[in-house]
């Protein structure tokens, strides 16, 4: 499978970035629905991911999306109780998901510690993998997969040097995240790379070095964002501060 070389789009500041990504998301999801009848998106947490969802909630264009024909997934999650403010799901629901007419059966949060598997993160990861595969046994080819990037160039909960980087399955359990909380669930690289489009979002000077390394051919084992590529398109959507160390072509 050939991955798409990354394209870089720079916006003046974080607020403009969030609004622009929200507008781009409306266009991509409505195009997918027009072409295939439904669409799928993978959400990311963090400040920029939540800001994009909040900007989408405020946008008059949000109603162009047929929310009842949208599948919503997550790229990773902190393995905490449902409703915990640290969970990516909680932030996404507050910013957007509880404010639009989604079909609840098509919203797919990652398991929580108060779910049927309790605090067994391996069983919880296997449960999400089974949900992803569905009745046909195939992992969906997501229309848009959103990823934040950490100062260490991690994406989802795939951290530099972590054993999860080499997991060839669908969903991986992460027990030793260097960023708290240590226990998490994450999609794997093979699943990230199955998406039609991967968008890496970054705002702020604290992300500039990681963005620069990820666009400079770094080893994904050391800069996981360097391995985040979509099948049809890969976008690094940045504000000016995060783009300060983007390599010159």
C-alpha atoms as a PDB file:
ATOM      1  CA  UNK A   1       0.000   0.000   0.000  1.00  0.00           C
ATOM      2  CA  UNK A   2       1.534   3.306  -1.109  1.00  0.00           C
ATOM      3  CA  UNK A   3       1.221   6.122   1.397  1.00  0.00           C
ATOM      4  CA  UNK A   4       0.573   9.692   0.347  1.00  0.00           C
ATOM      5  CA  UNK A   5       3.456  12.123   0.801  1.00  0.00           C
ATOM      6  CA  UNK A   6       2.558  14.833   3.306  1.00  0.00           C
ATOM      7  CA  UNK A   7       1.288  18.244   2.276  1.00  0.00           C
ATOM      8  CA  UNK A   8       1.704  21.194   4.642  1.00  0.00           C
ATOM      9  CA  UNK A   9      -0.939  23.910   5.125  1.00  0.00           C
ATOM     10  CA  UNK A  10      -0.121  26.793   7.467  1.00  0.00           C
ATOM     11  CA  UNK A  11      -2.625  29.161   9.085  1.00  0.00           C
ATOM     12  CA  UNK A  12      -1.773  32.373  10.966  1.00  0.00           C
ATOM     13  CA  UNK A  13      -2.876  31.275  14.444  1.00  0.00           C
ATOM     14  CA  UNK A  14      -4.561  28.557  16.456  1.00  0.00           C
ATOM     15  CA  UNK A  15      -8.093  29.988  16.171  1.00  0.00           C
ATOM     16  CA  UNK A  16      -7.860  30.314  12.391  1.00  0.00           C
ATOM     17  CA  UNK A  17      -6.414  26.809  12.218  1.00  0.00           C
ATOM     18  CA  UNK A  18      -9.360  25.352  14.153  1.00  0.00           C
ATOM     19  CA  UNK A  19     -11.924  27.142  11.980  1.00  0.00           C
ATOM     20  CA  UNK A  20     -10.153  26.142   8.772  1.00  0.00           C
ATOM     21  CA  UNK A  21      -9.900  22.476   9.775  1.00  0.00           C
ATOM     22  CA  UNK A  22     -13.588  22.495  10.728  1.00  0.00           C
ATOM     23  CA  UNK A  23     -14.491  23.873   7.302  1.00  0.00           C
ATOM     24  CA  UNK A  24     -12.269  21.325   5.589  1.00  0.00           C
ATOM     25  CA  UNK A  25     -13.909  18.567   7.612  1.00  0.00           C
ATOM     26  CA  UNK A  26     -17.395  19.634   6.498  1.00  0.00           C
ATOM     27  CA  UNK A  27     -16.294  19.540   2.861  1.00  0.00           C
ATOM     28  CA  UNK A  28     -14.581  16.155   3.135  1.00  0.00           C
ATOM     29  CA  UNK A  29     -17.393  14.420   5.010  1.00  0.00           C
ATOM     30  CA  UNK A  30     -20.143  15.788   2.769  1.00  0.00           C
ATOM     31  CA  UNK A  31     -18.150  14.735  -0.307  1.00  0.00           C
ATOM     32  CA  UNK A  32     -17.772  11.239   1.142  1.00  0.00           C
ATOM     33  CA  UNK A  33     -21.478  11.019   1.898  1.00  0.00           C
ATOM     34  CA  UNK A  34     -22.333  12.142  -1.627  1.00  0.00           C
ATOM     35  CA  UNK A  35     -19.994   9.530  -3.100  1.00  0.00           C
ATOM     36  CA  UNK A  36     -20.650   6.546  -0.822  1.00  0.00           C
ATOM     37  CA  UNK A  37     -23.831   7.299   1.126  1.00  0.00           C
ATOM     38  CA  UNK A  38     -22.112   7.581   4.499  1.00  0.00           C
ATOM     39  CA  UNK A  39     -18.842   8.819   5.974  1.00  0.00           C
ATOM     40  CA  UNK A  40     -16.488   7.981   8.814  1.00  0.00           C
ATOM     41  CA  UNK A  41     -14.175  10.114  10.919  1.00  0.00           C
ATOM     42  CA  UNK A  42     -11.618   9.304  13.595  1.00  0.00           C
ATOM     43  CA  UNK A  43     -11.363  11.973  16.286  1.00  0.00           C
ATOM     44  CA  UNK A  44      -8.371  13.089  18.299  1.00  0.00           C
ATOM     45  CA  UNK A  45      -8.228  14.692  21.726  1.00  0.00           C
ATOM     46  CA  UNK A  46      -5.971  17.414  23.055  1.00  0.00           C
ATOM     47  CA  UNK A  47      -6.365  21.146  22.783  1.00  0.00           C
ATOM     48  CA  UNK A  48      -6.313  21.453  19.016  1.00  0.00           C
ATOM     49  CA  UNK A  49      -8.587  18.447  18.424  1.00  0.00           C
ATOM     50  CA  UNK A  50     -11.208  19.775  20.819  1.00  0.00           C
ATOM     51  CA  UNK A  51     -10.893  23.282  19.367  1.00  0.00           C
ATOM     52  CA  UNK A  52     -11.681  21.935  15.897  1.00  0.00           C
ATOM     53  CA  UNK A  53     -14.847  20.254  17.182  1.00  0.00           C
ATOM     54  CA  UNK A  54     -15.905  23.424  18.995  1.00  0.00           C
ATOM     55  CA  UNK A  55     -15.331  25.444  15.813  1.00  0.00           C
ATOM     56  CA  UNK A  56     -17.417  22.940  13.873  1.00  0.00           C
ATOM     57  CA  UNK A  57     -20.235  23.227  16.418  1.00  0.00           C
ATOM     58  CA  UNK A  58     -20.266  27.020  15.916  1.00  0.00           C
ATOM     59  CA  UNK A  59     -20.148  26.842  12.124  1.00  0.00           C
ATOM     60  CA  UNK A  60     -23.393  27.382  10.161  1.00  0.00           C
ATOM     61  CA  UNK A  61     -21.967  24.895   7.635  1.00  0.00           C
ATOM     62  CA  UNK A  62     -22.145  22.047  10.142  1.00  0.00           C
ATOM     63  CA  UNK A  63     -25.665  21.224   9.000  1.00  0.00           C
ATOM     64  CA  UNK A  64     -24.335  20.304   5.559  1.00  0.00           C
ATOM     65  CA  UNK A  65     -23.203  17.042   7.169  1.00  0.00           C
ATOM     66  CA  UNK A  66     -25.852  14.339   7.396  1.00  0.00           C
ATOM     67  CA  UNK A  67     -25.059  13.476  11.001  1.00  0.00           C
ATOM     68  CA  UNK A  68     -27.242  10.379  10.938  1.00  0.00           C
ATOM     69  CA  UNK A  69     -25.002   8.874   8.242  1.00  0.00           C
ATOM     70  CA  UNK A  70     -21.689   9.531  10.000  1.00  0.00           C
ATOM     71  CA  UNK A  71     -19.630   6.962  11.915  1.00  0.00           C
ATOM     72  CA  UNK A  72     -17.472   8.441  14.669  1.00  0.00           C
ATOM     73  CA  UNK A  73     -14.422   6.604  16.017  1.00  0.00           C
ATOM     74  CA  UNK A  74     -11.435   7.551  18.183  1.00  0.00           C
ATOM     75  CA  UNK A  75      -7.721   7.158  17.518  1.00  0.00           C
ATOM     76  CA  UNK A  76      -6.849   6.632  21.156  1.00  0.00           C
ATOM     77  CA  UNK A  77      -8.259   6.972  24.626  1.00  0.00           C
ATOM     78  CA  UNK A  78      -7.154   7.250  28.218  1.00  0.00           C
ATOM     79  CA  UNK A  79      -8.312   4.120  30.029  1.00  0.00           C
ATOM     80  CA  UNK A  80     -10.400   5.818  32.690  1.00  0.00           C
ATOM     81  CA  UNK A  81     -14.046   5.688  33.842  1.00  0.00           C
ATOM     82  CA  UNK A  82     -16.800   6.929  31.530  1.00  0.00           C
ATOM     83  CA  UNK A  83     -17.293  10.670  31.794  1.00  0.00           C
ATOM     84  CA  UNK A  84     -13.845  11.307  33.235  1.00  0.00           C
ATOM     85  CA  UNK A  85     -12.797  14.794  32.108  1.00  0.00           C
ATOM     86  CA  UNK A  86      -9.460  13.392  30.912  1.00  0.00           C
ATOM     87  CA  UNK A  87     -11.107  11.080  28.391  1.00  0.00           C
ATOM     88  CA  UNK A  88     -11.064  12.227  24.769  1.00  0.00           C
ATOM     89  CA  UNK A  89     -14.674  11.086  24.446  1.00  0.00           C
ATOM     90  CA  UNK A  90     -15.772  13.444  27.225  1.00  0.00           C
ATOM     91  CA  UNK A  91     -14.220  16.475  25.551  1.00  0.00           C
ATOM     92  CA  UNK A  92     -15.626  15.545  22.156  1.00  0.00           C
ATOM     93  CA  UNK A  93     -19.144  15.127  23.512  1.00  0.00           C
ATOM     94  CA  UNK A  94     -19.030  18.463  25.302  1.00  0.00           C
ATOM     95  CA  UNK A  95     -17.596  20.324  22.310  1.00  0.00           C
ATOM     96  CA  UNK A  96     -19.760  18.838  19.551  1.00  0.00           C
ATOM     97  CA  UNK A  97     -21.181  15.330  19.688  1.00  0.00           C
ATOM     98  CA  UNK A  98     -23.957  16.007  22.189  1.00  0.00           C
ATOM     99  CA  UNK A  99     -25.048  19.026  20.142  1.00  0.00           C
ATOM    100  CA  UNK A 100     -25.667  17.370  16.763  1.00  0.00           C
ATOM    101  CA  UNK A 101     -28.172  14.654  15.693  1.00  0.00           C
ATOM    102  CA  UNK A 102     -25.803  11.694  15.488  1.00  0.00           C
ATOM    103  CA  UNK A 103     -27.112   8.137  15.404  1.00  0.00           C
ATOM    104  CA  UNK A 104     -25.958   6.786  18.809  1.00  0.00           C
ATOM    105  CA  UNK A 105     -25.333   3.370  17.235  1.00  0.00           C
ATOM    106  CA  UNK A 106     -22.753   4.968  14.929  1.00  0.00           C
ATOM    107  CA  UNK A 107     -20.742   6.623  17.712  1.00  0.00           C
ATOM    108  CA  UNK A 108     -17.982   4.260  18.806  1.00  0.00           C
ATOM    109  CA  UNK A 109     -16.145   5.396  21.953  1.00  0.00           C
ATOM    110  CA  UNK A 110     -13.262   3.296  23.181  1.00  0.00           C
ATOM    111  CA  UNK A 111     -14.023   1.217  26.293  1.00  0.00           C
ATOM    112  CA  UNK A 112     -13.786   2.702  29.790  1.00  0.00           C
ATOM    113  CA  UNK A 113     -12.734   1.080  33.054  1.00  0.00           C
ATOM    114  CA  UNK A 114     -16.357   0.891  34.188  1.00  0.00           C
ATOM    115  CA  UNK A 115     -17.317  -1.082  31.084  1.00  0.00           C
ATOM    116  CA  UNK A 116     -17.853  -4.846  30.746  1.00  0.00           C
ATOM    117  CA  UNK A 117     -14.112  -5.574  30.819  1.00  0.00           C
ATOM    118  CA  UNK A 118     -13.433  -3.609  33.983  1.00  0.00           C
ATOM    119  CA  UNK A 119      -9.809  -2.555  34.257  1.00  0.00           C
ATOM    120  CA  UNK A 120      -8.522  -5.291  31.896  1.00  0.00           C
ATOM    121  CA  UNK A 121      -7.064  -3.107  29.163  1.00  0.00           C
ATOM    122  CA  UNK A 122      -6.192  -6.060  26.921  1.00  0.00           C
ATOM    123  CA  UNK A 123      -9.796  -7.244  26.832  1.00  0.00           C
ATOM    124  CA  UNK A 124     -10.970  -3.674  26.285  1.00  0.00           C
ATOM    125  CA  UNK A 125      -8.600  -3.244  23.329  1.00  0.00           C
ATOM    126  CA  UNK A 126      -9.776  -6.562  21.861  1.00  0.00           C
ATOM    127  CA  UNK A 127     -13.389  -5.445  22.254  1.00  0.00           C
ATOM    128  CA  UNK A 128     -12.733  -2.259  20.279  1.00  0.00           C
ATOM    129  CA  UNK A 129     -10.841  -4.203  17.623  1.00  0.00           C
ATOM    130  CA  UNK A 130     -13.857  -6.484  17.191  1.00  0.00           C
ATOM    131  CA  UNK A 131     -16.153  -3.460  16.905  1.00  0.00           C
ATOM    132  CA  UNK A 132     -13.900  -1.961  14.249  1.00  0.00           C
ATOM    133  CA  UNK A 133     -13.826  -5.161  12.241  1.00  0.00           C
ATOM    134  CA  UNK A 134     -17.595  -5.587  12.321  1.00  0.00           C
ATOM    135  CA  UNK A 135     -19.457  -8.515  10.817  1.00  0.00           C
ATOM    136  CA  UNK A 136     -17.343  -8.575   7.641  1.00  0.00           C
ATOM    137  CA  UNK A 137     -14.065  -8.844   9.548  1.00  0.00           C
ATOM    138  CA  UNK A 138     -12.586  -5.853   7.743  1.00  0.00           C
ATOM    139  CA  UNK A 139     -11.240  -2.665   9.285  1.00  0.00           C
ATOM    140  CA  UNK A 140     -13.014   0.386   7.832  1.00  0.00           C
ATOM    141  CA  UNK A 141     -11.112   2.663   5.506  1.00  0.00           C
ATOM    142  CA  UNK A 142     -11.843   5.886   7.358  1.00  0.00           C
ATOM    143  CA  UNK A 143     -12.575   8.951   5.262  1.00  0.00           C
ATOM    144  CA  UNK A 144     -10.709  11.323   7.590  1.00  0.00           C
ATOM    145  CA  UNK A 145      -8.469  10.392  10.501  1.00  0.00           C
ATOM    146  CA  UNK A 146      -7.458  13.288  12.756  1.00  0.00           C
ATOM    147  CA  UNK A 147      -4.279  13.136  14.810  1.00  0.00           C
ATOM    148  CA  UNK A 148      -2.675  15.536  17.228  1.00  0.00           C
ATOM    149  CA  UNK A 149       1.083  15.500  17.650  1.00  0.00           C
ATOM    150  CA  UNK A 150       2.933  15.710  20.939  1.00  0.00           C
ATOM    151  CA  UNK A 151       6.189  17.568  21.614  1.00  0.00           C
ATOM    152  CA  UNK A 152       7.875  14.141  21.434  1.00  0.00           C
ATOM    153  CA  UNK A 153       6.222  13.558  18.023  1.00  0.00           C
ATOM    154  CA  UNK A 154       3.815  10.918  19.322  1.00  0.00           C
ATOM    155  CA  UNK A 155       0.460  10.430  17.600  1.00  0.00           C
ATOM    156  CA  UNK A 156      -2.598   8.707  19.075  1.00  0.00           C
ATOM    157  CA  UNK A 157      -0.998   6.856  22.019  1.00  0.00           C
ATOM    158  CA  UNK A 158       1.946   5.625  19.965  1.00  0.00           C
ATOM    159  CA  UNK A 159       4.974   7.031  21.776  1.00  0.00           C
ATOM    160  CA  UNK A 160       8.637   6.967  20.707  1.00  0.00           C
ATOM    161  CA  UNK A 161      10.290   3.694  21.621  1.00  0.00           C
ATOM    162  CA  UNK A 162       7.052   2.140  22.912  1.00  0.00           C
ATOM    163  CA  UNK A 163       6.331  -1.517  22.131  1.00  0.00           C
ATOM    164  CA  UNK A 164       2.913  -0.520  20.760  1.00  0.00           C
ATOM    165  CA  UNK A 165       4.649   0.950  17.700  1.00  0.00           C
ATOM    166  CA  UNK A 166       5.337  -2.534  16.409  1.00  0.00           C
ATOM    167  CA  UNK A 167       1.877  -3.959  17.027  1.00  0.00           C
ATOM    168  CA  UNK A 168       0.568  -5.293  13.715  1.00  0.00           C
ATOM    169  CA  UNK A 169      -2.945  -5.850  15.059  1.00  0.00           C
ATOM    170  CA  UNK A 170      -5.862  -3.442  14.993  1.00  0.00           C
ATOM    171  CA  UNK A 171      -6.005  -1.934  18.476  1.00  0.00           C
ATOM    172  CA  UNK A 172      -3.249  -1.989  21.059  1.00  0.00           C
ATOM    173  CA  UNK A 173      -3.167  -1.724  24.849  1.00  0.00           C
ATOM    174  CA  UNK A 174      -0.630   0.796  26.152  1.00  0.00           C
ATOM    175  CA  UNK A 175       0.464   0.391  29.758  1.00  0.00           C
ATOM    176  CA  UNK A 176       3.523   2.572  30.046  1.00  0.00           C
ATOM    177  CA  UNK A 177       2.658   5.867  28.410  1.00  0.00           C
ATOM    178  CA  UNK A 178       5.236   8.507  29.370  1.00  0.00           C
ATOM    179  CA  UNK A 179       2.371  10.991  29.479  1.00  0.00           C
ATOM    180  CA  UNK A 180      -0.204  10.350  32.239  1.00  0.00           C
ATOM    181  CA  UNK A 181      -2.342   8.415  32.610  1.00  0.00           C
ATOM    182  CA  UNK A 182      -0.042   5.486  31.760  1.00  0.00           C
ATOM    183  CA  UNK A 183      -2.767   3.057  30.641  1.00  0.00           C
ATOM    184  CA  UNK A 184      -4.400   3.761  27.286  1.00  0.00           C
ATOM    185  CA  UNK A 185      -5.947   2.200  24.203  1.00  0.00           C
ATOM    186  CA  UNK A 186      -4.754   3.156  20.723  1.00  0.00           C
ATOM    187  CA  UNK A 187      -5.243   2.325  17.091  1.00  0.00           C
ATOM    188  CA  UNK A 188      -2.113   0.824  15.531  1.00  0.00           C
ATOM    189  CA  UNK A 189      -0.035   2.046  12.617  1.00  0.00           C
ATOM    190  CA  UNK A 190      -1.610  -0.418  10.137  1.00  0.00           C
ATOM    191  CA  UNK A 191      -5.052   0.978  10.950  1.00  0.00           C
ATOM    192  CA  UNK A 192      -3.917   4.608  10.806  1.00  0.00           C
ATOM    193  CA  UNK A 193      -2.402   3.967   7.394  1.00  0.00           C
ATOM    194  CA  UNK A 194      -5.606   2.387   6.088  1.00  0.00           C
ATOM    195  CA  UNK A 195      -7.409   5.742   6.280  1.00  0.00           C
ATOM    196  CA  UNK A 196      -8.109   7.544   3.038  1.00  0.00           C
ATOM    197  CA  UNK A 197      -6.884  10.823   4.520  1.00  0.00           C
ATOM    198  CA  UNK A 198      -4.734  11.444   7.597  1.00  0.00           C
ATOM    199  CA  UNK A 199      -4.637  14.973   8.995  1.00  0.00           C
ATOM    200  CA  UNK A 200      -1.977  15.816  11.578  1.00  0.00           C
ATOM    201  CA  UNK A 201      -2.945  18.928  13.556  1.00  0.00           C
ATOM    202  CA  UNK A 202      -0.525  21.117  15.501  1.00  0.00           C
ATOM    203  CA  UNK A 203      -0.644  24.556  17.100  1.00  0.00           C
ATOM    204  CA  UNK A 204       1.956  26.392  19.144  1.00  0.00           C
ATOM    205  CA  UNK A 205       5.725  26.741  19.260  1.00  0.00           C
ATOM    206  CA  UNK A 206       5.999  23.726  21.548  1.00  0.00           C
ATOM    207  CA  UNK A 207       5.115  21.467  18.609  1.00  0.00           C
ATOM    208  CA  UNK A 208       7.498  23.018  16.067  1.00  0.00           C
ATOM    209  CA  UNK A 209      10.474  20.731  16.639  1.00  0.00           C
ATOM    210  CA  UNK A 210       8.319  17.593  16.539  1.00  0.00           C
ATOM    211  CA  UNK A 211       6.632  18.736  13.327  1.00  0.00           C
ATOM    212  CA  UNK A 212       9.988  19.494  11.745  1.00  0.00           C
ATOM    213  CA  UNK A 213      11.406  16.072  12.582  1.00  0.00           C
ATOM    214  CA  UNK A 214       8.265  14.305  11.391  1.00  0.00           C
ATOM    215  CA  UNK A 215       8.517  15.987   7.998  1.00  0.00           C
ATOM    216  CA  UNK A 216      12.270  15.414   7.643  1.00  0.00           C
ATOM    217  CA  UNK A 217      12.280  11.662   7.142  1.00  0.00           C
ATOM    218  CA  UNK A 218      12.787  10.736  10.794  1.00  0.00           C
ATOM    219  CA  UNK A 219      12.475   7.114  11.881  1.00  0.00           C
ATOM    220  CA  UNK A 220       8.867   6.541  13.027  1.00  0.00           C
ATOM    221  CA  UNK A 221      10.260   4.604  15.990  1.00  0.00           C
ATOM    222  CA  UNK A 222      11.728   7.895  17.198  1.00  0.00           C
ATOM    223  CA  UNK A 223       9.122  10.284  15.770  1.00  0.00           C
ATOM    224  CA  UNK A 224       5.874   8.344  15.322  1.00  0.00           C
ATOM    225  CA  UNK A 225       4.199  11.191  13.422  1.00  0.00           C
ATOM    226  CA  UNK A 226       6.707  10.509  10.638  1.00  0.00           C
ATOM    227  CA  UNK A 227       4.865   7.232  10.050  1.00  0.00           C
ATOM    228  CA  UNK A 228       1.336   8.674  10.056  1.00  0.00           C
ATOM    229  CA  UNK A 229       0.329   8.644   6.406  1.00  0.00           C
ATOM    230  CA  UNK A 230      -2.980   8.289   4.599  1.00  0.00           C
ATOM    231  CA  UNK A 231      -3.599   6.185   1.498  1.00  0.00           C
ATOM    232  CA  UNK A 232      -4.864   9.061  -0.630  1.00  0.00           C
ATOM    233  CA  UNK A 233      -3.745  12.158   1.233  1.00  0.00           C
ATOM    234  CA  UNK A 234      -1.682  13.238   4.225  1.00  0.00           C
ATOM    235  CA  UNK A 235      -2.044  16.781   5.530  1.00  0.00           C
ATOM    236  CA  UNK A 236      -0.062  18.558   8.225  1.00  0.00           C
ATOM    237  CA  UNK A 237      -2.435  21.362   9.221  1.00  0.00           C
ATOM    238  CA  UNK A 238      -0.475  23.840  11.318  1.00  0.00           C
ATOM    239  CA  UNK A 239      -0.502  27.313  12.760  1.00  0.00           C
ATOM    240  CA  UNK A 240       2.473  29.560  12.061  1.00  0.00           C
ATOM    241  CA  UNK A 241       4.184  28.837  15.364  1.00  0.00           C
ATOM    242  CA  UNK A 242       4.005  25.060  14.900  1.00  0.00           C
ATOM    243  CA  UNK A 243       5.316  25.440  11.337  1.00  0.00           C
ATOM    244  CA  UNK A 244       8.488  27.294  12.358  1.00  0.00           C
ATOM    245  CA  UNK A 245      10.759  24.293  11.692  1.00  0.00           C
ATOM    246  CA  UNK A 246       9.044  22.806   8.646  1.00  0.00           C
ATOM    247  CA  UNK A 247      11.809  21.806   6.203  1.00  0.00           C
ATOM    248  CA  UNK A 248      12.260  24.057   3.200  1.00  0.00           C
ATOM    249  CA  UNK A 249      11.652  22.275  -0.088  1.00  0.00           C
END
